[in-house]
Amino acid sequence: MNIVEHQIAFGQKLKNIRNSLNLTQQEFCDKVNIEVSNLSKWENGKGYPSVPTLLKIAEQLKIEPNELLNVKYYDKTLIKDLLINEIEKLSEQELLLALKVLKLMNEELKKN
């Protein structure tokens, strides 16, 4: 599954869950504190929310973020694309912090 197919699948899943809760886009956006234009974009397979927004959405839907993202369909290229997409949104200070976190994670993984 490439990134475009994944974005479409993510959007459809988000929309299906929202509809199963009988919420309009506006009602859902009010609950999660996001713009309708953003939700519409995601539901139409044109991108992803930021990680903090994804976490808010998952919390509101009372599901795990992985369930929304269908992590089981990820491949290495898709993960890299998603990371690059998030990295491009970061400030210089946030980039340095992210790098530190990744290095610490890598060190911990090597121990195990």
N, C-alpha and C. Protein backbone atom coordinates (compact mmCIF):
# COMPACT_ATOMS: atom_id res chain seq x y z
N MET A 1 0.86 -1.17 0.00
CA MET A 1 0.00 0.00 0.00
C MET A 1 0.90 1.23 0.00
N ASN A 2 0.73 2.10 -0.98
CA ASN A 2 1.53 3.33 -1.02
C ASN A 2 0.89 4.40 -0.15
N ILE A 3 1.55 5.54 -0.04
CA ILE A 3 1.07 6.57 0.89
C ILE A 3 -0.28 7.14 0.47
N VAL A 4 -0.52 7.30 -0.83
CA VAL A 4 -1.81 7.83 -1.28
C VAL A 4 -2.93 6.85 -0.92
N GLU A 5 -2.70 5.57 -1.15
CA GLU A 5 -3.70 4.56 -0.80
C GLU A 5 -3.92 4.54 0.71
N HIS A 6 -2.84 4.73 1.46
CA HIS A 6 -2.97 4.74 2.91
C HIS A 6 -3.76 5.96 3.38
N GLN A 7 -3.51 7.11 2.77
CA GLN A 7 -4.26 8.32 3.14
C GLN A 7 -5.75 8.12 2.87
N ILE A 8 -6.07 7.50 1.74
CA ILE A 8 -7.47 7.24 1.40
C ILE A 8 -8.09 6.29 2.40
N ALA A 9 -7.36 5.21 2.75
CA ALA A 9 -7.87 4.24 3.72
C ALA A 9 -8.06 4.89 5.09
N PHE A 10 -7.09 5.72 5.50
CA PHE A 10 -7.19 6.43 6.77
C PHE A 10 -8.43 7.31 6.77
N GLY A 11 -8.61 8.09 5.71
CA GLY A 11 -9.75 9.00 5.62
C GLY A 11 -11.07 8.28 5.66
N GLN A 12 -11.15 7.17 4.97
CA GLN A 12 -12.40 6.39 4.94
C GLN A 12 -12.69 5.81 6.32
N LYS A 13 -11.65 5.33 6.98
CA LYS A 13 -11.85 4.77 8.32
C LYS A 13 -12.31 5.86 9.29
N LEU A 14 -11.67 7.02 9.23
CA LEU A 14 -12.05 8.14 10.09
C LEU A 14 -13.51 8.52 9.85
N LYS A 15 -13.89 8.62 8.59
CA LYS A 15 -15.26 8.98 8.23
C LYS A 15 -16.25 7.91 8.71
N ASN A 16 -15.90 6.65 8.51
CA ASN A 16 -16.80 5.57 8.94
C ASN A 16 -17.01 5.58 10.45
N ILE A 17 -15.94 5.81 11.19
CA ILE A 17 -16.07 5.85 12.65
C ILE A 17 -16.92 7.04 13.06
N ARG A 18 -16.66 8.19 12.45
CA ARG A 18 -17.44 9.40 12.78
C ARG A 18 -18.92 9.16 12.48
N ASN A 19 -19.20 8.57 11.31
CA ASN A 19 -20.59 8.30 10.94
C ASN A 19 -21.24 7.28 11.87
N SER A 20 -20.47 6.30 12.32
CA SER A 20 -21.03 5.28 13.23
C SER A 20 -21.43 5.90 14.57
N LEU A 21 -20.82 7.03 14.90
CA LEU A 21 -21.17 7.76 16.13
C LEU A 21 -22.28 8.78 15.88
N ASN A 22 -22.78 8.80 14.64
CA ASN A 22 -23.85 9.73 14.25
C ASN A 22 -23.47 11.19 14.50
N LEU A 23 -22.21 11.51 14.16
CA LEU A 23 -21.74 12.89 14.32
C LEU A 23 -21.55 13.52 12.95
N THR A 24 -21.99 14.75 12.81
CA THR A 24 -21.67 15.50 11.60
C THR A 24 -20.21 15.91 11.67
N GLN A 25 -19.69 16.38 10.56
CA GLN A 25 -18.31 16.87 10.59
C GLN A 25 -18.17 18.00 11.60
N GLN A 26 -19.13 18.91 11.61
CA GLN A 26 -19.06 20.05 12.54
C GLN A 26 -19.09 19.59 13.99
N GLU A 27 -19.98 18.66 14.32
CA GLU A 27 -20.08 18.17 15.69
C GLU A 27 -18.76 17.50 16.12
N PHE A 28 -18.21 16.70 15.22
CA PHE A 28 -16.96 16.02 15.52
C PHE A 28 -15.85 17.04 15.73
N CYS A 29 -15.77 18.02 14.83
CA CYS A 29 -14.72 19.04 14.93
C CYS A 29 -14.84 19.86 16.21
N ASP A 30 -16.06 20.14 16.62
CA ASP A 30 -16.26 20.86 17.87
C ASP A 30 -15.73 20.05 19.06
N LYS A 31 -15.94 18.74 19.04
CA LYS A 31 -15.47 17.88 20.13
C LYS A 31 -13.95 17.80 20.19
N VAL A 32 -13.31 17.79 19.00
CA VAL A 32 -11.86 17.60 18.94
C VAL A 32 -11.12 18.92 18.83
N ASN A 33 -11.87 20.00 18.60
CA ASN A 33 -11.28 21.34 18.46
C ASN A 33 -10.38 21.43 17.22
N ILE A 34 -10.94 21.03 16.08
CA ILE A 34 -10.25 21.14 14.79
C ILE A 34 -11.16 21.82 13.80
N GLU A 35 -10.60 22.24 12.68
CA GLU A 35 -11.36 22.91 11.63
C GLU A 35 -12.04 21.87 10.73
N VAL A 36 -13.26 22.17 10.30
CA VAL A 36 -14.00 21.28 9.40
C VAL A 36 -13.22 21.08 8.10
N SER A 37 -12.56 22.12 7.64
CA SER A 37 -11.80 22.00 6.39
C SER A 37 -10.70 20.96 6.50
N ASN A 38 -10.07 20.87 7.68
CA ASN A 38 -9.03 19.86 7.90
C ASN A 38 -9.63 18.46 7.93
N LEU A 39 -10.72 18.29 8.66
CA LEU A 39 -11.37 16.98 8.73
C LEU A 39 -11.81 16.54 7.34
N SER A 40 -12.39 17.45 6.59
CA SER A 40 -12.83 17.12 5.24
C SER A 40 -11.65 16.67 4.37
N LYS A 41 -10.54 17.37 4.48
CA LYS A 41 -9.34 17.02 3.73
C LYS A 41 -8.89 15.60 4.08
N TRP A 42 -8.82 15.30 5.37
CA TRP A 42 -8.36 13.97 5.80
C TRP A 42 -9.34 12.89 5.36
N GLU A 43 -10.64 13.16 5.52
CA GLU A 43 -11.64 12.16 5.14
C GLU A 43 -11.63 11.90 3.64
N ASN A 44 -11.16 12.85 2.88
CA ASN A 44 -11.08 12.68 1.42
C ASN A 44 -9.71 12.17 0.97
N GLY A 45 -8.92 11.70 1.93
CA GLY A 45 -7.65 11.06 1.59
C GLY A 45 -6.56 12.01 1.14
N LYS A 46 -6.61 13.23 1.65
CA LYS A 46 -5.62 14.23 1.24
C LYS A 46 -4.77 14.67 2.43
N GLY A 47 -4.11 13.69 3.03
CA GLY A 47 -3.21 14.01 4.13
C GLY A 47 -3.63 13.39 5.43
N TYR A 48 -2.86 13.73 6.45
CA TYR A 48 -3.06 13.21 7.80
C TYR A 48 -3.04 14.37 8.78
N PRO A 49 -3.67 14.18 9.93
CA PRO A 49 -3.53 15.18 10.99
C PRO A 49 -2.13 15.09 11.59
N SER A 50 -1.74 16.13 12.30
CA SER A 50 -0.47 16.08 13.03
C SER A 50 -0.59 15.01 14.12
N VAL A 51 0.52 14.60 14.66
CA VAL A 51 0.50 13.56 15.70
C VAL A 51 -0.33 14.01 16.91
N PRO A 52 -0.14 15.23 17.43
CA PRO A 52 -0.97 15.63 18.58
C PRO A 52 -2.47 15.62 18.24
N THR A 53 -2.82 16.03 17.03
CA THR A 53 -4.23 16.02 16.63
C THR A 53 -4.74 14.60 16.48
N LEU A 54 -3.91 13.74 15.90
CA LEU A 54 -4.29 12.33 15.78
C LEU A 54 -4.57 11.73 17.15
N LEU A 55 -3.74 12.07 18.13
CA LEU A 55 -3.94 11.56 19.48
C LEU A 55 -5.24 12.09 20.09
N LYS A 56 -5.55 13.36 19.83
CA LYS A 56 -6.82 13.93 20.32
C LYS A 56 -8.01 13.22 19.67
N ILE A 57 -7.90 12.96 18.36
CA ILE A 57 -8.98 12.29 17.64
C ILE A 57 -9.18 10.88 18.21
N ALA A 58 -8.08 10.15 18.38
CA ALA A 58 -8.18 8.79 18.90
C ALA A 58 -8.78 8.79 20.30
N GLU A 59 -8.36 9.75 21.11
CA GLU A 59 -8.90 9.85 22.47
C GLU A 59 -10.40 10.12 22.43
N GLN A 60 -10.82 11.03 21.56
CA GLN A 60 -12.24 11.36 21.44
C GLN A 60 -13.05 10.16 20.96
N LEU A 61 -12.45 9.38 20.04
CA LEU A 61 -13.14 8.21 19.51
C LEU A 61 -13.01 7.00 20.43
N LYS A 62 -12.19 7.15 21.48
CA LYS A 62 -11.94 6.07 22.44
C LYS A 62 -11.36 4.83 21.76
N ILE A 63 -10.37 5.09 20.88
CA ILE A 63 -9.66 4.00 20.21
C ILE A 63 -8.17 4.29 20.25
N GLU A 64 -7.38 3.30 19.95
CA GLU A 64 -5.94 3.48 19.88
C GLU A 64 -5.59 4.17 18.56
N PRO A 65 -4.59 5.06 18.57
CA PRO A 65 -4.18 5.71 17.32
C PRO A 65 -3.82 4.71 16.23
N ASN A 66 -3.20 3.59 16.61
CA ASN A 66 -2.84 2.57 15.63
C ASN A 66 -4.05 2.02 14.90
N GLU A 67 -5.17 1.96 15.60
CA GLU A 67 -6.39 1.47 14.96
C GLU A 67 -6.82 2.40 13.83
N LEU A 68 -6.68 3.69 14.05
CA LEU A 68 -7.01 4.66 13.00
C LEU A 68 -6.04 4.56 11.83
N LEU A 69 -4.79 4.33 12.15
CA LEU A 69 -3.76 4.35 11.11
C LEU A 69 -3.57 3.01 10.41
N ASN A 70 -4.21 1.96 10.90
CA ASN A 70 -4.01 0.63 10.30
C ASN A 70 -2.53 0.30 10.18
N VAL A 71 -1.82 0.37 11.29
CA VAL A 71 -0.37 0.20 11.29
C VAL A 71 0.04 -1.10 10.62
N LYS A 72 -0.78 -2.11 10.66
CA LYS A 72 -0.40 -3.38 10.06
C LYS A 72 -0.13 -3.28 8.57
N TYR A 73 -0.57 -2.20 7.94
CA TYR A 73 -0.34 -2.02 6.51
C TYR A 73 0.92 -1.21 6.20
N TYR A 74 1.60 -0.74 7.23
CA TYR A 74 2.79 0.08 7.01
C TYR A 74 3.90 -0.73 6.37
N ASP A 75 4.64 -0.10 5.53
CA ASP A 75 5.89 -0.66 5.06
C ASP A 75 6.96 0.39 5.32
N LYS A 76 8.21 0.04 5.12
CA LYS A 76 9.31 0.93 5.48
C LYS A 76 9.22 2.27 4.73
N THR A 77 8.88 2.24 3.46
CA THR A 77 8.78 3.47 2.67
C THR A 77 7.68 4.37 3.21
N LEU A 78 6.55 3.80 3.54
CA LEU A 78 5.44 4.59 4.07
C LEU A 78 5.82 5.23 5.39
N ILE A 79 6.47 4.47 6.25
CA ILE A 79 6.88 5.02 7.55
C ILE A 79 7.84 6.19 7.35
N LYS A 80 8.79 6.03 6.43
CA LYS A 80 9.72 7.13 6.15
C LYS A 80 8.96 8.36 5.64
N ASP A 81 8.01 8.15 4.74
CA ASP A 81 7.22 9.26 4.20
C ASP A 81 6.45 9.98 5.31
N LEU A 82 5.86 9.19 6.21
CA LEU A 82 5.11 9.79 7.32
C LEU A 82 6.03 10.58 8.25
N LEU A 83 7.20 10.02 8.53
CA LEU A 83 8.16 10.73 9.37
C LEU A 83 8.63 12.02 8.72
N ILE A 84 8.94 11.98 7.46
CA ILE A 84 9.38 13.18 6.74
C ILE A 84 8.29 14.24 6.79
N ASN A 85 7.05 13.82 6.58
CA ASN A 85 5.91 14.74 6.62
C ASN A 85 5.83 15.44 7.97
N GLU A 86 6.01 14.69 9.05
CA GLU A 86 5.97 15.28 10.39
C GLU A 86 7.19 16.15 10.66
N ILE A 87 8.36 15.70 10.23
CA ILE A 87 9.61 16.44 10.45
C ILE A 87 9.56 17.81 9.79
N GLU A 88 8.97 17.88 8.62
CA GLU A 88 8.90 19.15 7.90
C GLU A 88 8.08 20.20 8.63
N LYS A 89 7.25 19.78 9.57
CA LYS A 89 6.41 20.71 10.32
C LYS A 89 7.10 21.25 11.57
N LEU A 90 8.25 20.69 11.92
CA LEU A 90 8.90 21.03 13.19
C LEU A 90 9.79 22.27 13.08
N SER A 91 9.86 22.99 14.18
CA SER A 91 10.81 24.11 14.29
C SER A 91 12.20 23.52 14.50
N GLU A 92 13.22 24.38 14.43
CA GLU A 92 14.59 23.91 14.62
C GLU A 92 14.76 23.30 16.03
N GLN A 93 14.21 23.93 17.03
CA GLN A 93 14.32 23.42 18.40
C GLN A 93 13.61 22.07 18.52
N GLU A 94 12.43 21.95 17.91
CA GLU A 94 11.70 20.68 17.95
C GLU A 94 12.45 19.58 17.20
N LEU A 95 13.13 19.95 16.11
CA LEU A 95 13.93 18.98 15.36
C LEU A 95 15.05 18.41 16.23
N LEU A 96 15.73 19.29 16.97
CA LEU A 96 16.81 18.84 17.85
C LEU A 96 16.28 17.90 18.93
N LEU A 97 15.13 18.23 19.49
CA LEU A 97 14.53 17.38 20.51
C LEU A 97 14.13 16.03 19.90
N ALA A 98 13.55 16.05 18.72
CA ALA A 98 13.15 14.80 18.05
C ALA A 98 14.37 13.92 17.78
N LEU A 99 15.46 14.54 17.38
CA LEU A 99 16.68 13.79 17.11
C LEU A 99 17.18 13.12 18.39
N LYS A 100 17.15 13.85 19.50
CA LYS A 100 17.57 13.29 20.78
C LYS A 100 16.69 12.09 21.16
N VAL A 101 15.40 12.25 20.97
CA VAL A 101 14.46 11.16 21.31
C VAL A 101 14.75 9.93 20.45
N LEU A 102 14.95 10.12 19.16
CA LEU A 102 15.25 9.00 18.27
C LEU A 102 16.55 8.31 18.67
N LYS A 103 17.55 9.08 19.02
CA LYS A 103 18.83 8.49 19.43
C LYS A 103 18.66 7.68 20.71
N LEU A 104 17.90 8.21 21.67
CA LEU A 104 17.64 7.47 22.91
C LEU A 104 16.87 6.18 22.64
N MET A 105 15.88 6.25 21.77
CA MET A 105 15.12 5.05 21.42
C MET A 105 16.02 4.01 20.78
N ASN A 106 16.87 4.45 19.88
CA ASN A 106 17.77 3.54 19.20
C ASN A 106 18.72 2.87 20.20
N GLU A 107 19.23 3.64 21.14
CA GLU A 107 20.12 3.08 22.16
C GLU A 107 19.40 2.03 23.00
N GLU A 108 18.14 2.32 23.37
CA GLU A 108 17.37 1.37 24.17
C GLU A 108 17.08 0.10 23.38
N LEU A 109 16.77 0.24 22.12
CA LEU A 109 16.50 -0.93 21.29
C LEU A 109 17.73 -1.81 21.14
N LYS A 110 18.89 -1.20 21.06
CA LYS A 110 20.13 -1.97 20.94
C LYS A 110 20.41 -2.78 22.20
N LYS A 111 19.96 -2.28 23.35
CA LYS A 111 20.17 -2.99 24.62
C LYS A 111 19.35 -4.27 24.68
N ASN A 112 18.20 -4.25 24.03
CA ASN A 112 17.28 -5.40 24.09
C ASN A 112 17.59 -6.37 23.06
